[in-house]
Amino acid sequence: MSSELPNDGGIKMVVAIIRPDKLGDVKKGLAAAGAPSLTVTNVSGRGSQPAKKGQWRGEEYTVDLHQKVKVECVVADIPAEDVVSAIREAANTGEPGDGKIFVLPVESATQVRTGNEGPDAV
């Protein structure tokens, strides 16, 4: 495989955990970067974002699992670094809890409808 090919000719999955209100901006950023295909899942988690305290029926409680959105994008024909940059720029608010981005290698891919495999399936 040539190093001139995006992702060294391989397939990469970019997984981002972001704030739900930044999803629209991330979708626009990915489309502009040439990666319009994505999968979105509602998740909850905790990290550096501080816990919130609340009160319900006189009882105080702490919410330390915050609602987030997980965005998954599999790319073969565009560099994963471009996808990471697009997500980071679109999701950044400068506050704790903006999220994380992970890049994972994809061992194989098969398109269900056509049976295409490898980068052709993406």
PDB file of N, CA and C in Angstrom:
ATOM      1  N   MET A   1       0.832  -1.182   0.000  1.00  0.00           N
ATOM      2  CA  MET A   1       0.000   0.000   0.000  1.00  0.00           C
ATOM      3  C   MET A   1       0.874   1.241   0.000  1.00  0.00           C
ATOM      4  N   SER A   2       0.489   2.174  -0.775  1.00  0.00           N
ATOM      5  CA  SER A   2       1.275   3.389  -0.910  1.00  0.00           C
ATOM      6  C   SER A   2       0.962   4.362   0.219  1.00  0.00           C
ATOM      7  N   SER A   3       1.998   5.093   0.658  1.00  0.00           N
ATOM      8  CA  SER A   3       1.781   6.082   1.706  1.00  0.00           C
ATOM      9  C   SER A   3       1.096   7.333   1.149  1.00  0.00           C
ATOM     10  N   GLU A   4       0.937   7.406  -0.200  1.00  0.00           N
ATOM     11  CA  GLU A   4       0.252   8.541  -0.815  1.00  0.00           C
ATOM     12  C   GLU A   4      -1.265   8.421  -0.678  1.00  0.00           C
ATOM     13  N   LEU A   5      -1.761   7.211  -0.417  1.00  0.00           N
ATOM     14  CA  LEU A   5      -3.191   7.016  -0.238  1.00  0.00           C
ATOM     15  C   LEU A   5      -3.614   7.530   1.129  1.00  0.00           C
ATOM     16  N   PRO A   6      -4.840   8.069   1.238  1.00  0.00           N
ATOM     17  CA  PRO A   6      -5.314   8.486   2.562  1.00  0.00           C
ATOM     18  C   PRO A   6      -5.302   7.314   3.531  1.00  0.00           C
ATOM     19  N   ASN A   7      -4.932   7.578   4.760  1.00  0.00           N
ATOM     20  CA  ASN A   7      -4.910   6.561   5.821  1.00  0.00           C
ATOM     21  C   ASN A   7      -4.019   5.376   5.459  1.00  0.00           C
ATOM     22  N   ASP A   8      -2.979   5.625   4.638  1.00  0.00           N
ATOM     23  CA  ASP A   8      -2.070   4.583   4.159  1.00  0.00           C
ATOM     24  C   ASP A   8      -2.815   3.448   3.471  1.00  0.00           C
ATOM     25  N   GLY A   9      -3.901   3.771   2.790  1.00  0.00           N
ATOM     26  CA  GLY A   9      -4.676   2.786   2.052  1.00  0.00           C
ATOM     27  C   GLY A   9      -5.636   1.995   2.907  1.00  0.00           C
ATOM     28  N   GLY A  10      -5.683   2.255   4.194  1.00  0.00           N
ATOM     29  CA  GLY A  10      -6.555   1.521   5.102  1.00  0.00           C
ATOM     30  C   GLY A  10      -7.864   2.244   5.365  1.00  0.00           C
ATOM     31  N   ILE A  11      -8.658   1.653   6.239  1.00  0.00           N
ATOM     32  CA  ILE A  11      -9.943   2.217   6.637  1.00  0.00           C
ATOM     33  C   ILE A  11      -9.816   2.629   8.094  1.00  0.00           C
ATOM     34  N   LYS A  12     -10.317   3.804   8.430  1.00  0.00           N
ATOM     35  CA  LYS A  12     -10.270   4.299   9.804  1.00  0.00           C
ATOM     36  C   LYS A  12     -11.671   4.643  10.281  1.00  0.00           C
ATOM     37  N   MET A  13     -11.913   4.410  11.564  1.00  0.00           N
ATOM     38  CA  MET A  13     -13.151   4.841  12.191  1.00  0.00           C
ATOM     39  C   MET A  13     -12.813   5.965  13.158  1.00  0.00           C
ATOM     40  N   VAL A  14     -13.477   7.090  12.976  1.00  0.00           N
ATOM     41  CA  VAL A  14     -13.311   8.216  13.873  1.00  0.00           C
ATOM     42  C   VAL A  14     -14.536   8.244  14.781  1.00  0.00           C
ATOM     43  N   VAL A  15     -14.307   8.163  16.095  1.00  0.00           N
ATOM     44  CA  VAL A  15     -15.376   8.169  17.079  1.00  0.00           C
ATOM     45  C   VAL A  15     -15.223   9.426  17.928  1.00  0.00           C
ATOM     46  N   ALA A  16     -16.276  10.215  17.998  1.00  0.00           N
ATOM     47  CA  ALA A  16     -16.238  11.449  18.786  1.00  0.00           C
ATOM     48  C   ALA A  16     -17.378  11.445  19.782  1.00  0.00           C
ATOM     49  N   ILE A  17     -17.088  11.834  21.012  1.00  0.00           N
ATOM     50  CA  ILE A  17     -18.098  12.030  22.049  1.00  0.00           C
ATOM     51  C   ILE A  17     -18.197  13.541  22.234  1.00  0.00           C
ATOM     52  N   ILE A  18     -19.366  14.114  21.918  1.00  0.00           N
ATOM     53  CA  ILE A  18     -19.508  15.570  21.910  1.00  0.00           C
ATOM     54  C   ILE A  18     -20.764  16.005  22.650  1.00  0.00           C
ATOM     55  N   ARG A  19     -20.886  17.323  22.843  1.00  0.00           N
ATOM     56  CA  ARG A  19     -22.097  17.893  23.425  1.00  0.00           C
ATOM     57  C   ARG A  19     -23.247  17.767  22.414  1.00  0.00           C
ATOM     58  N   PRO A  20     -24.450  17.438  22.870  1.00  0.00           N
ATOM     59  CA  PRO A  20     -25.577  17.290  21.942  1.00  0.00           C
ATOM     60  C   PRO A  20     -25.879  18.552  21.133  1.00  0.00           C
ATOM     61  N   ASP A  21     -25.685  19.723  21.731  1.00  0.00           N
ATOM     62  CA  ASP A  21     -26.006  20.960  21.029  1.00  0.00           C
ATOM     63  C   ASP A  21     -25.006  21.296  19.924  1.00  0.00           C
ATOM     64  N   LYS A  22     -23.890  20.576  19.835  1.00  0.00           N
ATOM     65  CA  LYS A  22     -22.897  20.823  18.785  1.00  0.00           C
ATOM     66  C   LYS A  22     -23.043  19.863  17.607  1.00  0.00           C
ATOM     67  N   LEU A  23     -24.036  18.960  17.652  1.00  0.00           N
ATOM     68  CA  LEU A  23     -24.201  17.963  16.596  1.00  0.00           C
ATOM     69  C   LEU A  23     -24.431  18.603  15.228  1.00  0.00           C
ATOM     70  N   GLY A  24     -25.263  19.620  15.153  1.00  0.00           N
ATOM     71  CA  GLY A  24     -25.525  20.283  13.876  1.00  0.00           C
ATOM     72  C   GLY A  24     -24.261  20.871  13.276  1.00  0.00           C
ATOM     73  N   ASP A  25     -23.452  21.515  14.107  1.00  0.00           N
ATOM     74  CA  ASP A  25     -22.192  22.089  13.631  1.00  0.00           C
ATOM     75  C   ASP A  25     -21.235  20.998  13.157  1.00  0.00           C
ATOM     76  N   VAL A  26     -21.194  19.875  13.874  1.00  0.00           N
ATOM     77  CA  VAL A  26     -20.316  18.775  13.495  1.00  0.00           C
ATOM     78  C   VAL A  26     -20.768  18.173  12.166  1.00  0.00           C
ATOM     79  N   LYS A  27     -22.071  18.001  11.975  1.00  0.00           N
ATOM     80  CA  LYS A  27     -22.575  17.469  10.704  1.00  0.00           C
ATOM     81  C   LYS A  27     -22.175  18.371   9.542  1.00  0.00           C
ATOM     82  N   LYS A  28     -22.299  19.680   9.720  1.00  0.00           N
ATOM     83  CA  LYS A  28     -21.894  20.625   8.669  1.00  0.00           C
ATOM     84  C   LYS A  28     -20.392  20.549   8.424  1.00  0.00           C
ATOM     85  N   GLY A  29     -19.599  20.466   9.485  1.00  0.00           N
ATOM     86  CA  GLY A  29     -18.153  20.373   9.354  1.00  0.00           C
ATOM     87  C   GLY A  29     -17.706  19.115   8.633  1.00  0.00           C
ATOM     88  N   LEU A  30     -18.359  17.981   8.945  1.00  0.00           N
ATOM     89  CA  LEU A  30     -18.021  16.730   8.274  1.00  0.00           C
ATOM     90  C   LEU A  30     -18.404  16.772   6.793  1.00  0.00           C
ATOM     91  N   ALA A  31     -19.550  17.359   6.485  1.00  0.00           N
ATOM     92  CA  ALA A  31     -19.961  17.478   5.084  1.00  0.00           C
ATOM     93  C   ALA A  31     -18.969  18.341   4.310  1.00  0.00           C
ATOM     94  N   ALA A  32     -18.504  19.426   4.921  1.00  0.00           N
ATOM     95  CA  ALA A  32     -17.528  20.306   4.275  1.00  0.00           C
ATOM     96  C   ALA A  32     -16.184  19.598   4.076  1.00  0.00           C
ATOM     97  N   ALA A  33     -15.846  18.668   4.974  1.00  0.00           N
ATOM     98  CA  ALA A  33     -14.590  17.928   4.873  1.00  0.00           C
ATOM     99  C   ALA A  33     -14.690  16.761   3.897  1.00  0.00           C
ATOM    100  N   GLY A  34     -15.889  16.496   3.371  1.00  0.00           N
ATOM    101  CA  GLY A  34     -16.068  15.401   2.422  1.00  0.00           C
ATOM    102  C   GLY A  34     -16.424  14.084   3.068  1.00  0.00           C
ATOM    103  N   ALA A  35     -16.894  14.116   4.312  1.00  0.00           N
ATOM    104  CA  ALA A  35     -17.268  12.897   5.034  1.00  0.00           C
ATOM    105  C   ALA A  35     -18.693  13.030   5.562  1.00  0.00           C
ATOM    106  N   PRO A  36     -19.700  13.010   4.671  1.00  0.00           N
ATOM    107  CA  PRO A  36     -21.071  13.237   5.114  1.00  0.00           C
ATOM    108  C   PRO A  36     -21.721  12.042   5.825  1.00  0.00           C
ATOM    109  N   SER A  37     -21.157  10.825   5.667  1.00  0.00           N
ATOM    110  CA  SER A  37     -21.754   9.631   6.265  1.00  0.00           C
ATOM    111  C   SER A  37     -21.346   9.507   7.726  1.00  0.00           C
ATOM    112  N   LEU A  38     -22.331   9.299   8.600  1.00  0.00           N
ATOM    113  CA  LEU A  38     -22.029   9.155  10.015  1.00  0.00           C
ATOM    114  C   LEU A  38     -23.132   8.386  10.710  1.00  0.00           C
ATOM    115  N   THR A  39     -22.804   7.913  11.897  1.00  0.00           N
ATOM    116  CA  THR A  39     -23.770   7.257  12.770  1.00  0.00           C
ATOM    117  C   THR A  39     -23.769   8.026  14.080  1.00  0.00           C
ATOM    118  N   VAL A  40     -24.967   8.297  14.612  1.00  0.00           N
ATOM    119  CA  VAL A  40     -25.094   9.089  15.837  1.00  0.00           C
ATOM    120  C   VAL A  40     -25.844   8.265  16.882  1.00  0.00           C
ATOM    121  N   THR A  41     -25.326   8.269  18.106  1.00  0.00           N
ATOM    122  CA  THR A  41     -25.933   7.555  19.225  1.00  0.00           C
ATOM    123  C   THR A  41     -25.985   8.482  20.433  1.00  0.00           C
ATOM    124  N   ASN A  42     -27.096   8.489  21.148  1.00  0.00           N
ATOM    125  CA  ASN A  42     -27.185   9.241  22.402  1.00  0.00           C
ATOM    126  C   ASN A  42     -26.548   8.404  23.506  1.00  0.00           C
ATOM    127  N   VAL A  43     -25.603   9.006  24.221  1.00  0.00           N
ATOM    128  CA  VAL A  43     -24.888   8.312  25.292  1.00  0.00           C
ATOM    129  C   VAL A  43     -24.811   9.236  26.505  1.00  0.00           C
ATOM    130  N   SER A  44     -24.370   8.691  27.621  1.00  0.00           N
ATOM    131  CA  SER A  44     -24.093   9.526  28.790  1.00  0.00           C
ATOM    132  C   SER A  44     -22.756   9.089  29.356  1.00  0.00           C
ATOM    133  N   GLY A  45     -22.069  10.030  29.989  1.00  0.00           N
ATOM    134  CA  GLY A  45     -20.767   9.705  30.540  1.00  0.00           C
ATOM    135  C   GLY A  45     -20.255  10.834  31.406  1.00  0.00           C
ATOM    136  N   ARG A  46     -19.080  10.621  31.953  1.00  0.00           N
ATOM    137  CA  ARG A  46     -18.479  11.669  32.767  1.00  0.00           C
ATOM    138  C   ARG A  46     -16.994  11.729  32.456  1.00  0.00           C
ATOM    139  N   GLY A  47     -16.467  12.916  32.645  1.00  0.00           N
ATOM    140  CA  GLY A  47     -15.049  13.157  32.410  1.00  0.00           C
ATOM    141  C   GLY A  47     -14.637  14.354  33.232  1.00  0.00           C
ATOM    142  N   SER A  48     -14.087  15.361  32.579  1.00  0.00           N
ATOM    143  CA  SER A  48     -13.607  16.534  33.311  1.00  0.00           C
ATOM    144  C   SER A  48     -14.714  17.551  33.590  1.00  0.00           C
ATOM    145  N   GLN A  49     -15.883  17.365  32.981  1.00  0.00           N
ATOM    146  CA  GLN A  49     -16.992  18.290  33.211  1.00  0.00           C
ATOM    147  C   GLN A  49     -17.500  18.121  34.645  1.00  0.00           C
ATOM    148  N   PRO A  50     -17.657  19.225  35.385  1.00  0.00           N
ATOM    149  CA  PRO A  50     -18.063  19.101  36.792  1.00  0.00           C
ATOM    150  C   PRO A  50     -19.487  18.550  36.941  1.00  0.00           C
ATOM    151  N   ALA A  51     -19.718  17.869  38.060  1.00  0.00           N
ATOM    152  CA  ALA A  51     -21.048  17.337  38.372  1.00  0.00           C
ATOM    153  C   ALA A  51     -21.994  18.489  38.692  1.00  0.00           C
ATOM    154  N   LYS A  52     -23.278  18.256  38.447  1.00  0.00           N
ATOM    155  CA  LYS A  52     -24.286  19.266  38.761  1.00  0.00           C
ATOM    156  C   LYS A  52     -25.126  18.774  39.926  1.00  0.00           C
ATOM    157  N   LYS A  53     -25.442  19.690  40.815  1.00  0.00           N
ATOM    158  CA  LYS A  53     -26.290  19.344  41.959  1.00  0.00           C
ATOM    159  C   LYS A  53     -27.700  19.859  41.696  1.00  0.00           C
ATOM    160  N   GLY A  54     -28.665  19.092  42.152  1.00  0.00           N
ATOM    161  CA  GLY A  54     -30.057  19.487  41.997  1.00  0.00           C
ATOM    162  C   GLY A  54     -30.848  19.102  43.228  1.00  0.00           C
ATOM    163  N   GLN A  55     -32.108  19.491  43.241  1.00  0.00           N
ATOM    164  CA  GLN A  55     -32.966  19.159  44.364  1.00  0.00           C
ATOM    165  C   GLN A  55     -34.327  18.759  43.818  1.00  0.00           C
ATOM    166  N   TRP A  56     -34.862  17.664  44.360  1.00  0.00           N
ATOM    167  CA  TRP A  56     -36.158  17.180  43.931  1.00  0.00           C
ATOM    168  C   TRP A  56     -36.903  16.678  45.168  1.00  0.00           C
ATOM    169  N   ARG A  57     -38.070  17.223  45.417  1.00  0.00           N
ATOM    170  CA  ARG A  57     -38.895  16.861  46.579  1.00  0.00           C
ATOM    171  C   ARG A  57     -38.109  16.957  47.880  1.00  0.00           C
ATOM    172  N   GLY A  58     -37.316  18.001  47.995  1.00  0.00           N
ATOM    173  CA  GLY A  58     -36.574  18.240  49.222  1.00  0.00           C
ATOM    174  C   GLY A  58     -35.290  17.457  49.359  1.00  0.00           C
ATOM    175  N   GLU A  59     -35.037  16.554  48.444  1.00  0.00           N
ATOM    176  CA  GLU A  59     -33.811  15.749  48.493  1.00  0.00           C
ATOM    177  C   GLU A  59     -32.805  16.303  47.500  1.00  0.00           C
ATOM    178  N   GLU A  60     -31.558  16.443  47.962  1.00  0.00           N
ATOM    179  CA  GLU A  60     -30.502  16.894  47.067  1.00  0.00           C
ATOM    180  C   GLU A  60     -29.900  15.697  46.350  1.00  0.00           C
ATOM    181  N   TYR A  61     -29.598  15.858  45.067  1.00  0.00           N
ATOM    182  CA  TYR A  61     -28.970  14.782  44.305  1.00  0.00           C
ATOM    183  C   TYR A  61     -27.874  15.376  43.420  1.00  0.00           C
ATOM    184  N   THR A  62     -26.966  14.503  42.966  1.00  0.00           N
ATOM    185  CA  THR A  62     -25.852  14.914  42.116  1.00  0.00           C
ATOM    186  C   THR A  62     -25.952  14.187  40.789  1.00  0.00           C
ATOM    187  N   VAL A  63     -25.826  14.933  39.710  1.00  0.00           N
ATOM    188  CA  VAL A  63     -25.810  14.355  38.370  1.00  0.00           C
ATOM    189  C   VAL A  63     -24.371  14.424  37.874  1.00  0.00           C
ATOM    190  N   ASP A  64     -23.711  13.246  37.787  1.00  0.00           N
ATOM    191  CA  ASP A  64     -22.338  13.249  37.296  1.00  0.00           C
ATOM    192  C   ASP A  64     -22.198  12.543  35.954  1.00  0.00           C
ATOM    193  N   LEU A  65     -23.293  11.989  35.443  1.00  0.00           N
ATOM    194  CA  LEU A  65     -23.306  11.436  34.088  1.00  0.00           C
ATOM    195  C   LEU A  65     -24.046  12.430  33.201  1.00  0.00           C
ATOM    196  N   HIS A  66     -23.310  13.036  32.273  1.00  0.00           N
ATOM    197  CA  HIS A  66     -23.879  14.071  31.414  1.00  0.00           C
ATOM    198  C   HIS A  66     -24.306  13.480  30.075  1.00  0.00           C
ATOM    199  N   GLN A  67     -25.377  14.011  29.512  1.00  0.00           N
ATOM    200  CA  GLN A  67     -25.851  13.563  28.206  1.00  0.00           C
ATOM    201  C   GLN A  67     -24.867  14.013  27.134  1.00  0.00           C
ATOM    202  N   LYS A  68     -24.471  13.088  26.283  1.00  0.00           N
ATOM    203  CA  LYS A  68     -23.539  13.349  25.183  1.00  0.00           C
ATOM    204  C   LYS A  68     -24.064  12.674  23.927  1.00  0.00           C
ATOM    205  N   VAL A  69     -23.398  12.936  22.818  1.00  0.00           N
ATOM    206  CA  VAL A  69     -23.714  12.302  21.552  1.00  0.00           C
ATOM    207  C   VAL A  69     -22.438  11.642  21.045  1.00  0.00           C
ATOM    208  N   LYS A  70     -22.543  10.378  20.629  1.00  0.00           N
ATOM    209  CA  LYS A  70     -21.402   9.689  20.034  1.00  0.00           C
ATOM    210  C   LYS A  70     -21.578   9.704  18.523  1.00  0.00           C
ATOM    211  N   VAL A  71     -20.588  10.257  17.826  1.00  0.00           N
ATOM    212  CA  VAL A  71     -20.605  10.341  16.372  1.00  0.00           C
ATOM    213  C   VAL A  71     -19.531   9.401  15.851  1.00  0.00           C
ATOM    214  N   GLU A  72     -19.914   8.491  14.959  1.00  0.00           N
ATOM    215  CA  GLU A  72     -18.970   7.559  14.356  1.00  0.00           C
ATOM    216  C   GLU A  72     -18.927   7.812  12.854  1.00  0.00           C
ATOM    217  N   CYS A  73     -17.727   7.884  12.314  1.00  0.00           N
ATOM    218  CA  CYS A  73     -17.537   8.167  10.905  1.00  0.00           C
ATOM    219  C   CYS A  73     -16.424   7.258  10.394  1.00  0.00           C
ATOM    220  N   VAL A  74     -16.719   6.420   9.402  1.00  0.00           N
ATOM    221  CA  VAL A  74     -15.720   5.517   8.836  1.00  0.00           C
ATOM    222  C   VAL A  74     -15.257   6.099   7.504  1.00  0.00           C
ATOM    223  N   VAL A  75     -13.932   6.234   7.344  1.00  0.00           N
ATOM    224  CA  VAL A  75     -13.393   6.854   6.135  1.00  0.00           C
ATOM    225  C   VAL A  75     -12.280   5.995   5.536  1.00  0.00           C
ATOM    226  N   ALA A  76     -12.201   6.034   4.207  1.00  0.00           N
ATOM    227  CA  ALA A  76     -11.126   5.356   3.494  1.00  0.00           C
ATOM    228  C   ALA A  76     -10.501   6.292   2.470  1.00  0.00           C
ATOM    229  N   ASP A  77     -11.324   7.126   1.820  1.00  0.00           N
ATOM    230  CA  ASP A  77     -10.834   7.958   0.729  1.00  0.00           C
ATOM    231  C   ASP A  77     -10.446   9.371   1.142  1.00  0.00           C
ATOM    232  N   ILE A  78     -10.669   9.728   2.407  1.00  0.00           N
ATOM    233  CA  ILE A  78     -10.195  11.015   2.920  1.00  0.00           C
ATOM    234  C   ILE A  78      -9.410  10.755   4.205  1.00  0.00           C
ATOM    235  N   PRO A  79      -8.411  11.573   4.480  1.00  0.00           N
ATOM    236  CA  PRO A  79      -7.584  11.338   5.673  1.00  0.00           C
ATOM    237  C   PRO A  79      -8.392  11.461   6.977  1.00  0.00           C
ATOM    238  N   ALA A  80      -8.149  10.540   7.892  1.00  0.00           N
ATOM    239  CA  ALA A  80      -8.819  10.582   9.191  1.00  0.00           C
ATOM    240  C   ALA A  80      -8.472  11.870   9.928  1.00  0.00           C
ATOM    241  N   GLU A  81      -7.271  12.402   9.696  1.00  0.00           N
ATOM    242  CA  GLU A  81      -6.862  13.649  10.350  1.00  0.00           C
ATOM    243  C   GLU A  81      -7.764  14.814   9.945  1.00  0.00           C
ATOM    244  N   ASP A  82      -8.225  14.803   8.680  1.00  0.00           N
ATOM    245  CA  ASP A  82      -9.138  15.854   8.216  1.00  0.00           C
ATOM    246  C   ASP A  82     -10.478  15.768   8.943  1.00  0.00           C
ATOM    247  N   VAL A  83     -10.936  14.539   9.174  1.00  0.00           N
ATOM    248  CA  VAL A  83     -12.197  14.329   9.888  1.00  0.00           C
ATOM    249  C   VAL A  83     -12.049  14.785  11.340  1.00  0.00           C
ATOM    250  N   VAL A  84     -10.924  14.429  11.961  1.00  0.00           N
ATOM    251  CA  VAL A  84     -10.674  14.842  13.347  1.00  0.00           C
ATOM    252  C   VAL A  84     -10.653  16.361  13.440  1.00  0.00           C
ATOM    253  N   SER A  85      -9.977  17.029  12.514  1.00  0.00           N
ATOM    254  CA  SER A  85      -9.912  18.493  12.522  1.00  0.00           C
ATOM    255  C   SER A  85     -11.284  19.118  12.358  1.00  0.00           C
ATOM    256  N   ALA A  86     -12.090  18.559  11.452  1.00  0.00           N
ATOM    257  CA  ALA A  86     -13.434  19.098  11.224  1.00  0.00           C
ATOM    258  C   ALA A  86     -14.299  18.970  12.472  1.00  0.00           C
ATOM    259  N   ILE A  87     -14.231  17.817  13.130  1.00  0.00           N
ATOM    260  CA  ILE A  87     -15.023  17.603  14.347  1.00  0.00           C
ATOM    261  C   ILE A  87     -14.536  18.530  15.459  1.00  0.00           C
ATOM    262  N   ARG A  88     -13.226  18.608  15.637  1.00  0.00           N
ATOM    263  CA  ARG A  88     -12.668  19.433  16.718  1.00  0.00           C
ATOM    264  C   ARG A  88     -13.059  20.898  16.550  1.00  0.00           C
ATOM    265  N   GLU A  89     -12.937  21.414  15.343  1.00  0.00           N
ATOM    266  CA  GLU A  89     -13.287  22.817  15.104  1.00  0.00           C
ATOM    267  C   GLU A  89     -14.774  23.069  15.342  1.00  0.00           C
ATOM    268  N   ALA A  90     -15.628  22.127  14.920  1.00  0.00           N
ATOM    269  CA  ALA A  90     -17.071  22.319  15.036  1.00  0.00           C
ATOM    270  C   ALA A  90     -17.575  22.122  16.464  1.00  0.00           C
ATOM    271  N   ALA A  91     -16.934  21.235  17.238  1.00  0.00           N
ATOM    272  CA  ALA A  91     -17.436  20.887  18.572  1.00  0.00           C
ATOM    273  C   ALA A  91     -16.819  21.712  19.690  1.00  0.00           C
ATOM    274  N   ASN A  92     -15.799  22.490  19.398  1.00  0.00           N
ATOM    275  CA  ASN A  92     -15.057  23.203  20.433  1.00  0.00           C
ATOM    276  C   ASN A  92     -15.833  24.413  20.962  1.00  0.00           C
ATOM    277  N   THR A  93     -16.046  24.426  22.291  1.00  0.00           N
ATOM    278  CA  THR A  93     -16.620  25.608  22.945  1.00  0.00           C
ATOM    279  C   THR A  93     -15.594  26.240  23.886  1.00  0.00           C
ATOM    280  N   GLY A  94     -14.528  25.514  24.172  1.00  0.00           N
ATOM    281  CA  GLY A  94     -13.511  26.001  25.093  1.00  0.00           C
ATOM    282  C   GLY A  94     -13.812  25.701  26.553  1.00  0.00           C
ATOM    283  N   GLU A  95     -14.898  25.003  26.818  1.00  0.00           N
ATOM    284  CA  GLU A  95     -15.306  24.673  28.187  1.00  0.00           C
ATOM    285  C   GLU A  95     -15.038  23.203  28.479  1.00  0.00           C
ATOM    286  N   PRO A  96     -14.875  22.834  29.758  1.00  0.00           N
ATOM    287  CA  PRO A  96     -14.767  21.412  30.095  1.00  0.00           C
ATOM    288  C   PRO A  96     -16.032  20.676  29.638  1.00  0.00           C
ATOM    289  N   GLY A  97     -15.852  19.458  29.147  1.00  0.00           N
ATOM    290  CA  GLY A  97     -16.995  18.672  28.688  1.00  0.00           C
ATOM    291  C   GLY A  97     -17.231  18.753  27.198  1.00  0.00           C
ATOM    292  N   ASP A  98     -16.296  19.363  26.442  1.00  0.00           N
ATOM    293  CA  ASP A  98     -16.439  19.432  24.986  1.00  0.00           C
ATOM    294  C   ASP A  98     -16.363  18.053  24.347  1.00  0.00           C
ATOM    295  N   GLY A  99     -15.662  17.120  24.951  1.00  0.00           N
ATOM    296  CA  GLY A  99     -15.639  15.756  24.444  1.00  0.00           C
ATOM    297  C   GLY A  99     -14.262  15.256  24.087  1.00  0.00           C
ATOM    298  N   LYS A 100     -14.253  14.105  23.430  1.00  0.00           N
ATOM    299  CA  LYS A 100     -13.022  13.440  23.014  1.00  0.00           C
ATOM    300  C   LYS A 100     -13.236  12.881  21.609  1.00  0.00           C
ATOM    301  N   ILE A 101     -12.102  12.688  20.899  1.00  0.00           N
ATOM    302  CA  ILE A 101     -12.131  12.094  19.562  1.00  0.00           C
ATOM    303  C   ILE A 101     -11.120  10.951  19.547  1.00  0.00           C
ATOM    304  N   PHE A 102     -11.538   9.809  19.028  1.00  0.00           N
ATOM    305  CA  PHE A 102     -10.681   8.631  18.936  1.00  0.00           C
ATOM    306  C   PHE A 102     -10.612   8.178  17.485  1.00  0.00           C
ATOM    307  N   VAL A 103      -9.452   7.697  17.053  1.00  0.00           N
ATOM    308  CA  VAL A 103      -9.285   7.148  15.711  1.00  0.00           C
ATOM    309  C   VAL A 103      -8.873   5.691  15.860  1.00  0.00           C
ATOM    310  N   LEU A 104      -9.646   4.806  15.223  1.00  0.00           N
ATOM    311  CA  LEU A 104      -9.419   3.370  15.330  1.00  0.00           C
ATOM    312  C   LEU A 104      -9.222   2.757  13.952  1.00  0.00           C
ATOM    313  N   PRO A 105      -8.347   1.762  13.826  1.00  0.00           N
ATOM    314  CA  PRO A 105      -8.226   1.060  12.543  1.00  0.00           C
ATOM    315  C   PRO A 105      -9.427   0.127  12.359  1.00  0.00           C
ATOM    316  N   VAL A 106      -9.875  -0.005  11.122  1.00  0.00           N
ATOM    317  CA  VAL A 106     -10.967  -0.924  10.795  1.00  0.00           C
ATOM    318  C   VAL A 106     -10.358  -2.100  10.038  1.00  0.00           C
ATOM    319  N   GLU A 107     -10.539  -3.285  10.573  1.00  0.00           N
ATOM    320  CA  GLU A 107      -9.927  -4.472   9.977  1.00  0.00           C
ATOM    321  C   GLU A 107     -10.546  -4.807   8.633  1.00  0.00           C
ATOM    322  N   SER A 108     -11.864  -4.756   8.540  1.00  0.00           N
ATOM    323  CA  SER A 108     -12.528  -5.032   7.265  1.00  0.00           C
ATOM    324  C   SER A 108     -13.890  -4.354   7.247  1.00  0.00           C
ATOM    325  N   ALA A 109     -14.427  -4.202   6.040  1.00  0.00           N
ATOM    326  CA  ALA A 109     -15.756  -3.628   5.862  1.00  0.00           C
ATOM    327  C   ALA A 109     -16.415  -4.317   4.678  1.00  0.00           C
ATOM    328  N   THR A 110     -17.706  -4.591   4.793  1.00  0.00           N
ATOM    329  CA  THR A 110     -18.473  -5.196   3.709  1.00  0.00           C
ATOM    330  C   THR A 110     -19.790  -4.458   3.576  1.00  0.00           C
ATOM    331  N   GLN A 111     -20.101  -4.028   2.357  1.00  0.00           N
ATOM    332  CA  GLN A 111     -21.372  -3.355   2.111  1.00  0.00           C
ATOM    333  C   GLN A 111     -22.450  -4.418   1.923  1.00  0.00           C
ATOM    334  N   VAL A 112     -23.522  -4.331   2.678  1.00  0.00           N
ATOM    335  CA  VAL A 112     -24.561  -5.351   2.677  1.00  0.00           C
ATOM    336  C   VAL A 112     -25.226  -5.469   1.302  1.00  0.00           C
ATOM    337  N   ARG A 113     -25.629  -4.345   0.722  1.00  0.00           N
ATOM    338  CA  ARG A 113     -26.391  -4.373  -0.529  1.00  0.00           C
ATOM    339  C   ARG A 113     -25.596  -4.926  -1.705  1.00  0.00           C
ATOM    340  N   THR A 114     -24.345  -4.463  -1.873  1.00  0.00           N
ATOM    341  CA  THR A 114     -23.574  -4.831  -3.061  1.00  0.00           C
ATOM    342  C   THR A 114     -22.557  -5.938  -2.826  1.00  0.00           C
ATOM    343  N   GLY A 115     -22.164  -6.148  -1.592  1.00  0.00           N
ATOM    344  CA  GLY A 115     -21.129  -7.119  -1.294  1.00  0.00           C
ATOM    345  C   GLY A 115     -19.725  -6.561  -1.471  1.00  0.00           C
ATOM    346  N   ASN A 116     -19.605  -5.250  -1.796  1.00  0.00           N
ATOM    347  CA  ASN A 116     -18.280  -4.634  -1.910  1.00  0.00           C
ATOM    348  C   ASN A 116     -17.541  -4.779  -0.596  1.00  0.00           C
ATOM    349  N   GLU A 117     -16.223  -4.970  -0.691  1.00  0.00           N
ATOM    350  CA  GLU A 117     -15.412  -5.139   0.506  1.00  0.00           C
ATOM    351  C   GLU A 117     -14.277  -4.151   0.529  1.00  0.00           C
ATOM    352  N   GLY A 118     -13.701  -3.946   1.739  1.00  0.00           N
ATOM    353  CA  GLY A 118     -12.567  -3.048   1.903  1.00  0.00           C
ATOM    354  C   GLY A 118     -12.967  -1.605   1.696  1.00  0.00           C
ATOM    355  N   PRO A 119     -12.041  -0.781   1.185  1.00  0.00           N
ATOM    356  CA  PRO A 119     -12.331   0.649   0.984  1.00  0.00           C
ATOM    357  C   PRO A 119     -13.507   0.913   0.047  1.00  0.00           C
ATOM    358  N   ASP A 120     -13.782  -0.018  -0.876  1.00  0.00           N
ATOM    359  CA  ASP A 120     -14.929   0.144  -1.780  1.00  0.00           C
ATOM    360  C   ASP A 120     -16.266   0.080  -1.040  1.00  0.00           C
ATOM    361  N   ALA A 121     -16.283  -0.576   0.123  1.00  0.00           N
ATOM    362  CA  ALA A 121     -17.523  -0.692   0.902  1.00  0.00           C
ATOM    363  C   ALA A 121     -17.843   0.585   1.648  1.00  0.00           C
ATOM    364  N   VAL A 122     -16.819   1.403   1.866  1.00  0.00           N
ATOM    365  CA  VAL A 122     -17.006   2.635   2.635  1.00  0.00           C
ATOM    366  C   VAL A 122     -17.494   3.712   1.699  1.00  0.00           C
TER     367      VAL A 122
END
